[in-house]
Amino acid sequence: MRVQLRTCVRVALLLLVAGLLSAATATPARAQGLIRSIPAEQGTWVRFEGTVRQTEIRPDATLGNLVMNWTRHLTLVALGEETAEFEGKEVPCRWIEIRSSTGKPVDEGVETGPAGLRIIQVLVPVEKIIGKAVDEAGIPVSYLPIVKGYQQVGMGEPQPIAGHAVYLSPSLTAVVPFRAPEAGSEESVDTPAGQFTATPELATEILESRETRITQRGTLWASSEVPFGLVKWEMTTSMQSKLASEPRDSFQDRTEVEVKMSLHATGDGEEGQLVIP
């Protein structure tokens, strides 16, 4: 259990650092990498499943690199409608729940341990879901605008989300909201949920400080044929480090995390699991 917890924490920390660096270098915009559209019907849901593979680079270790594999399930649910005030006016909004489970696969799903389950439920202004990587002003979409929301980690109590925008960090969704992805040509994509016509979005970003360099590479396949608009994604996040006093060519490989997720099922009639206090 201790090894599982430590490893979950390592994965979450690397993805969180990557997410925070992305957020720090992006203009706080309007946005979404995971949610491209909101289904009209209440209770519509999608479930993604995939793997998280972490490699700790250990060039001096007798046994070589340490490789760990985890299963991740990610569920999105479109919940009820509500009219609420946002940016000084009353607008139509929808509640959306995102559930993320990371751990070891078991018959019932995923054995998450104390830190591998995360749930957020947010009230989102419908007009702010634009389904694009950048808005009309050319500003990257890296944040999900919300009226209010709540989050729960593990078996803890739900807590309010501060502010009116939430960053869907890679530690929650395993989706890096790239600032300037390059769209490819439409192609047919096979998933366990079926075959869909989708547009690949490819991107590479390098985020660097005096001590750390994080390289993110990924491809997302977006499609209007599925609820919420995404059918598949593959991401690689690698981290290098050095001393602040050393030159840039001193960076050494430390950790790499590979994430592969695809649509496994869709349906209707689902309810939210987070109990709002």
Protein backbone atom coordinates (compact mmCIF):
# COMPACT_ATOMS: atom_id res chain seq x y z
CA MET A 1 0.00 0.00 0.00
CA ARG A 2 2.84 2.40 0.82
CA VAL A 3 4.55 1.72 -2.52
CA GLN A 4 1.25 2.26 -4.36
CA LEU A 5 0.61 5.52 -2.53
CA ARG A 6 4.15 6.82 -3.12
CA THR A 7 3.94 5.99 -6.81
CA CYS A 8 0.53 7.61 -7.24
CA VAL A 9 1.96 10.70 -5.58
CA ARG A 10 5.00 10.72 -7.89
CA VAL A 11 2.82 10.46 -10.98
CA ALA A 12 0.46 13.15 -9.72
CA LEU A 13 3.33 15.46 -8.82
CA LEU A 14 4.99 15.22 -12.22
CA LEU A 15 1.74 15.78 -14.07
CA LEU A 16 0.79 18.54 -11.64
CA VAL A 17 4.11 20.33 -12.14
CA ALA A 18 3.61 20.10 -15.89
CA GLY A 19 0.11 21.48 -15.51
CA LEU A 20 1.18 24.33 -13.25
CA LEU A 21 3.98 25.33 -15.60
CA SER A 22 1.53 25.29 -18.51
CA ALA A 23 -0.86 27.43 -16.53
CA ALA A 24 1.88 29.87 -15.58
CA THR A 25 2.89 30.41 -19.19
CA ALA A 26 -0.62 30.67 -20.63
CA THR A 27 -2.94 33.66 -20.51
CA PRO A 28 -5.92 32.87 -18.23
CA ALA A 29 -8.45 32.36 -20.98
CA ARG A 30 -11.77 30.72 -21.44
CA ALA A 31 -11.21 27.08 -21.85
CA GLN A 32 -11.02 23.45 -22.30
CA GLY A 33 -8.96 20.64 -23.74
CA LEU A 34 -11.15 17.85 -22.44
CA ILE A 35 -14.63 19.35 -22.88
CA ARG A 36 -15.39 20.47 -26.44
CA SER A 37 -19.18 20.48 -26.17
CA ILE A 38 -21.95 19.79 -23.64
CA PRO A 39 -24.53 17.09 -24.44
CA ALA A 40 -28.10 18.35 -24.61
CA GLU A 41 -29.59 15.49 -22.61
CA GLN A 42 -29.18 15.40 -18.83
CA GLY A 43 -27.48 12.19 -17.69
CA THR A 44 -25.42 11.68 -20.85
CA TRP A 45 -22.02 10.23 -19.96
CA VAL A 46 -18.79 9.03 -21.49
CA ARG A 47 -16.08 6.84 -19.98
CA PHE A 48 -12.47 6.80 -21.07
CA GLU A 49 -10.05 4.08 -20.05
CA GLY A 50 -6.34 3.78 -20.51
CA THR A 51 -2.92 3.42 -18.99
CA VAL A 52 -0.35 5.54 -17.21
CA ARG A 53 3.23 4.30 -17.58
CA GLN A 54 5.90 5.96 -15.45
CA THR A 55 9.62 5.41 -16.01
CA GLU A 56 12.14 6.67 -13.48
CA ILE A 57 15.51 7.06 -15.22
CA ARG A 58 18.23 5.44 -13.07
CA PRO A 59 21.45 5.21 -15.13
CA ASP A 60 23.54 4.12 -12.13
CA ALA A 61 21.11 1.56 -10.70
CA THR A 62 22.04 -2.12 -10.93
CA LEU A 63 18.50 -3.06 -11.95
CA GLY A 64 18.20 -0.19 -14.42
CA ASN A 65 15.18 2.04 -14.83
CA LEU A 66 12.13 1.66 -12.59
CA VAL A 67 8.97 1.19 -14.66
CA MET A 68 5.48 1.31 -13.14
CA ASN A 69 2.12 0.86 -14.86
CA TRP A 70 -1.28 2.06 -13.74
CA THR A 71 -4.83 2.00 -15.04
CA ARG A 72 -6.90 5.17 -15.32
CA HIS A 73 -10.67 5.56 -15.78
CA LEU A 74 -12.15 8.96 -16.54
CA THR A 75 -15.91 9.62 -16.62
CA LEU A 76 -17.70 12.79 -17.72
CA VAL A 77 -21.39 13.31 -16.96
CA ALA A 78 -23.70 16.10 -18.15
CA LEU A 79 -26.03 16.95 -15.28
CA GLY A 80 -28.83 19.47 -14.72
CA GLU A 81 -29.46 22.93 -16.13
CA GLU A 82 -29.49 26.15 -14.15
CA THR A 83 -29.63 29.86 -14.90
CA ALA A 84 -26.95 31.75 -12.98
CA GLU A 85 -25.13 35.07 -12.96
CA PHE A 86 -21.79 35.10 -14.75
CA GLU A 87 -19.81 38.19 -15.73
CA GLY A 88 -22.67 40.45 -14.74
CA LYS A 89 -25.54 38.75 -16.57
CA GLU A 90 -27.89 35.78 -16.18
CA VAL A 91 -26.84 32.95 -18.51
CA PRO A 92 -27.82 29.29 -19.10
CA CYS A 93 -25.46 26.92 -17.28
CA ARG A 94 -24.94 23.17 -16.92
CA TRP A 95 -23.57 21.08 -14.11
CA ILE A 96 -20.78 18.73 -15.24
CA GLU A 97 -19.13 16.01 -13.18
CA ILE A 98 -15.66 14.64 -13.88
CA ARG A 99 -14.53 11.47 -12.09
CA SER A 100 -10.94 10.25 -12.32
CA SER A 101 -9.66 6.95 -10.88
CA THR A 102 -6.01 5.91 -11.07
CA GLY A 103 -4.62 2.69 -9.61
CA LYS A 104 -4.40 -1.04 -10.19
CA PRO A 105 -7.06 -2.82 -12.29
CA VAL A 106 -9.52 -5.08 -10.45
CA ASP A 107 -12.74 -6.82 -11.51
CA GLU A 108 -14.86 -3.94 -10.19
CA GLY A 109 -12.82 -1.26 -11.98
CA VAL A 110 -9.77 0.41 -10.42
CA GLU A 111 -8.30 -0.01 -6.94
CA THR A 112 -7.35 3.59 -6.30
CA GLY A 113 -6.00 3.57 -2.77
CA PRO A 114 -6.41 6.71 -0.63
CA ALA A 115 -5.19 9.23 -3.23
CA GLY A 116 -6.21 7.86 -6.63
CA LEU A 117 -9.86 8.98 -6.77
CA ARG A 118 -10.80 12.57 -7.65
CA ILE A 119 -14.23 14.03 -8.42
CA ILE A 120 -15.14 17.56 -9.41
CA GLN A 121 -18.61 18.93 -10.11
CA VAL A 122 -18.85 22.38 -11.67
CA LEU A 123 -21.55 24.74 -12.96
CA VAL A 124 -20.40 25.89 -16.40
CA PRO A 125 -21.78 28.77 -18.54
CA VAL A 126 -22.84 27.02 -21.74
CA GLU A 127 -21.75 29.90 -23.99
CA LYS A 128 -18.15 29.58 -22.79
CA ILE A 129 -17.68 26.08 -24.20
CA ILE A 130 -16.30 27.06 -27.61
CA GLY A 131 -14.75 23.76 -28.70
CA LYS A 132 -11.53 25.35 -29.95
CA ALA A 133 -7.90 25.47 -28.87
CA VAL A 134 -7.88 29.30 -29.05
CA ASP A 135 -10.66 31.87 -28.83
CA GLU A 136 -11.58 34.58 -31.35
CA ALA A 137 -8.81 36.83 -30.03
CA GLY A 138 -6.21 34.11 -30.50
CA ILE A 139 -5.89 33.50 -26.75
CA PRO A 140 -5.21 29.87 -25.78
CA VAL A 141 -8.06 28.12 -23.99
CA SER A 142 -6.52 26.60 -20.88
CA TYR A 143 -9.18 27.09 -18.21
CA LEU A 144 -12.78 25.98 -17.77
CA PRO A 145 -14.93 28.96 -16.71
CA ILE A 146 -17.32 28.15 -13.87
CA VAL A 147 -19.95 29.88 -11.77
CA LYS A 148 -19.13 27.60 -8.85
CA GLY A 149 -17.94 24.11 -8.16
CA TYR A 150 -16.83 21.45 -5.70
CA GLN A 151 -14.05 18.87 -5.58
CA GLN A 152 -13.37 15.71 -3.62
CA VAL A 153 -10.11 13.77 -3.24
CA GLY A 154 -10.27 10.15 -2.11
CA MET A 155 -12.78 9.66 0.69
CA GLY A 156 -12.47 13.25 1.90
CA GLU A 157 -15.33 15.70 2.17
CA PRO A 158 -16.26 17.77 -0.91
CA GLN A 159 -14.70 21.23 -0.81
CA PRO A 160 -15.76 24.40 -2.68
CA ILE A 161 -13.59 25.45 -5.62
CA ALA A 162 -12.37 29.02 -5.22
CA GLY A 163 -12.70 31.48 -8.10
CA HIS A 164 -14.57 31.37 -11.40
CA ALA A 165 -12.21 29.26 -13.49
CA VAL A 166 -10.83 25.78 -12.96
CA TYR A 167 -7.68 24.39 -14.53
CA LEU A 168 -8.35 20.78 -15.48
CA SER A 169 -4.84 19.74 -14.55
CA PRO A 170 -3.19 16.70 -16.13
CA SER A 171 -3.13 15.08 -12.68
CA LEU A 172 -6.94 14.98 -12.87
CA THR A 173 -7.67 14.35 -16.53
CA ALA A 174 -4.34 13.35 -18.11
CA VAL A 175 -5.08 15.90 -20.82
CA VAL A 176 -2.56 18.70 -21.33
CA PRO A 177 -4.36 21.79 -22.72
CA PHE A 178 -1.74 22.68 -25.34
CA ARG A 179 -1.61 26.35 -26.28
CA ALA A 180 -1.13 25.98 -30.04
CA PRO A 181 -1.96 22.49 -31.34
CA GLU A 182 -1.67 21.75 -35.05
CA ALA A 183 -4.78 20.20 -36.58
CA GLY A 184 -4.31 17.33 -38.99
CA SER A 185 -6.68 15.86 -41.56
CA GLU A 186 -9.81 13.99 -40.55
CA GLU A 187 -9.33 10.27 -40.12
CA SER A 188 -11.19 7.22 -38.92
CA VAL A 189 -10.36 6.30 -35.32
CA ASP A 190 -11.13 2.93 -33.76
CA THR A 191 -11.95 2.81 -30.04
CA PRO A 192 -13.57 0.18 -27.79
CA ALA A 193 -16.74 2.32 -28.02
CA GLY A 194 -16.78 2.18 -31.84
CA GLN A 195 -15.32 3.84 -34.91
CA PHE A 196 -15.50 7.63 -35.28
CA THR A 197 -14.37 10.31 -37.68
CA ALA A 198 -11.99 12.56 -35.78
CA THR A 199 -9.46 15.35 -36.31
CA PRO A 200 -6.03 14.82 -34.71
CA GLU A 201 -4.49 17.75 -32.84
CA LEU A 202 -0.71 17.49 -32.42
CA ALA A 203 1.52 19.62 -30.21
CA THR A 204 4.86 19.80 -28.44
CA GLU A 205 5.70 22.20 -25.64
CA ILE A 206 8.90 22.70 -23.66
CA LEU A 207 8.63 24.37 -20.26
CA GLU A 208 11.93 25.31 -18.67
CA SER A 209 13.26 26.85 -15.48
CA ARG A 210 16.85 27.11 -14.21
CA GLU A 211 16.56 23.67 -12.58
CA THR A 212 13.84 21.80 -14.47
CA ARG A 213 12.88 21.18 -18.09
CA ILE A 214 9.56 19.51 -18.90
CA THR A 215 8.78 18.40 -22.44
CA GLN A 216 5.18 17.58 -23.32
CA ARG A 217 4.18 15.86 -26.54
CA GLY A 218 0.67 14.77 -27.37
CA THR A 219 -2.05 14.02 -29.86
CA LEU A 220 -5.77 14.45 -29.18
CA TRP A 221 -8.47 13.18 -31.52
CA ALA A 222 -11.54 15.45 -31.49
CA SER A 223 -14.90 14.43 -32.95
CA SER A 224 -18.39 15.92 -33.11
CA GLU A 225 -19.80 12.38 -33.22
CA VAL A 226 -19.38 11.74 -29.49
CA PRO A 227 -20.63 13.52 -26.35
CA PHE A 228 -18.16 16.12 -25.04
CA GLY A 229 -16.20 15.93 -28.32
CA LEU A 230 -13.08 13.83 -27.61
CA VAL A 231 -12.45 10.18 -28.54
CA LYS A 232 -8.80 9.51 -27.77
CA TRP A 233 -5.53 11.06 -26.61
CA GLU A 234 -1.90 10.07 -26.14
CA MET A 235 0.52 12.16 -24.06
CA THR A 236 4.16 11.92 -23.06
CA THR A 237 5.58 14.15 -20.33
CA SER A 238 9.31 13.93 -19.65
CA MET A 239 11.25 15.76 -16.95
CA GLN A 240 14.92 16.67 -16.84
CA SER A 241 16.75 18.43 -14.03
CA LYS A 242 20.07 20.05 -13.11
CA LEU A 243 21.53 22.39 -10.53
CA ALA A 244 20.61 26.05 -10.96
CA SER A 245 24.29 26.94 -11.25
CA GLU A 246 24.96 24.44 -14.08
CA PRO A 247 24.72 25.31 -17.80
CA ARG A 248 21.68 24.33 -19.87
CA ASP A 249 23.43 21.41 -21.51
CA SER A 250 23.69 19.75 -18.07
CA PHE A 251 20.02 18.68 -17.98
CA GLN A 252 19.67 14.97 -17.22
CA ASP A 253 16.67 12.72 -17.87
CA ARG A 254 14.78 11.95 -14.65
CA THR A 255 11.22 10.79 -15.27
CA GLU A 256 8.87 10.07 -18.17
CA VAL A 257 5.11 9.54 -17.97
CA GLU A 258 3.18 8.11 -20.92
CA VAL A 259 -0.62 8.32 -20.93
CA LYS A 260 -2.87 6.57 -23.45
CA MET A 261 -6.64 7.02 -23.15
CA SER A 262 -9.54 6.11 -25.43
CA LEU A 263 -13.33 6.15 -25.36
CA HIS A 264 -14.68 2.89 -23.96
CA ALA A 265 -18.39 3.55 -23.44
CA THR A 266 -21.17 6.15 -23.66
CA GLY A 267 -24.69 6.15 -22.29
CA ASP A 268 -27.49 8.05 -20.62
CA GLY A 269 -29.39 8.17 -17.35
CA GLU A 270 -26.27 8.71 -15.19
CA GLU A 271 -26.40 10.77 -11.97
CA GLY A 272 -23.66 12.64 -10.19
CA GLN A 273 -21.76 10.88 -7.42
CA LEU A 274 -20.44 13.90 -5.59
CA VAL A 275 -22.78 14.94 -2.78
CA ILE A 276 -22.72 18.75 -2.60
CA PRO A 277 -22.78 19.96 1.01
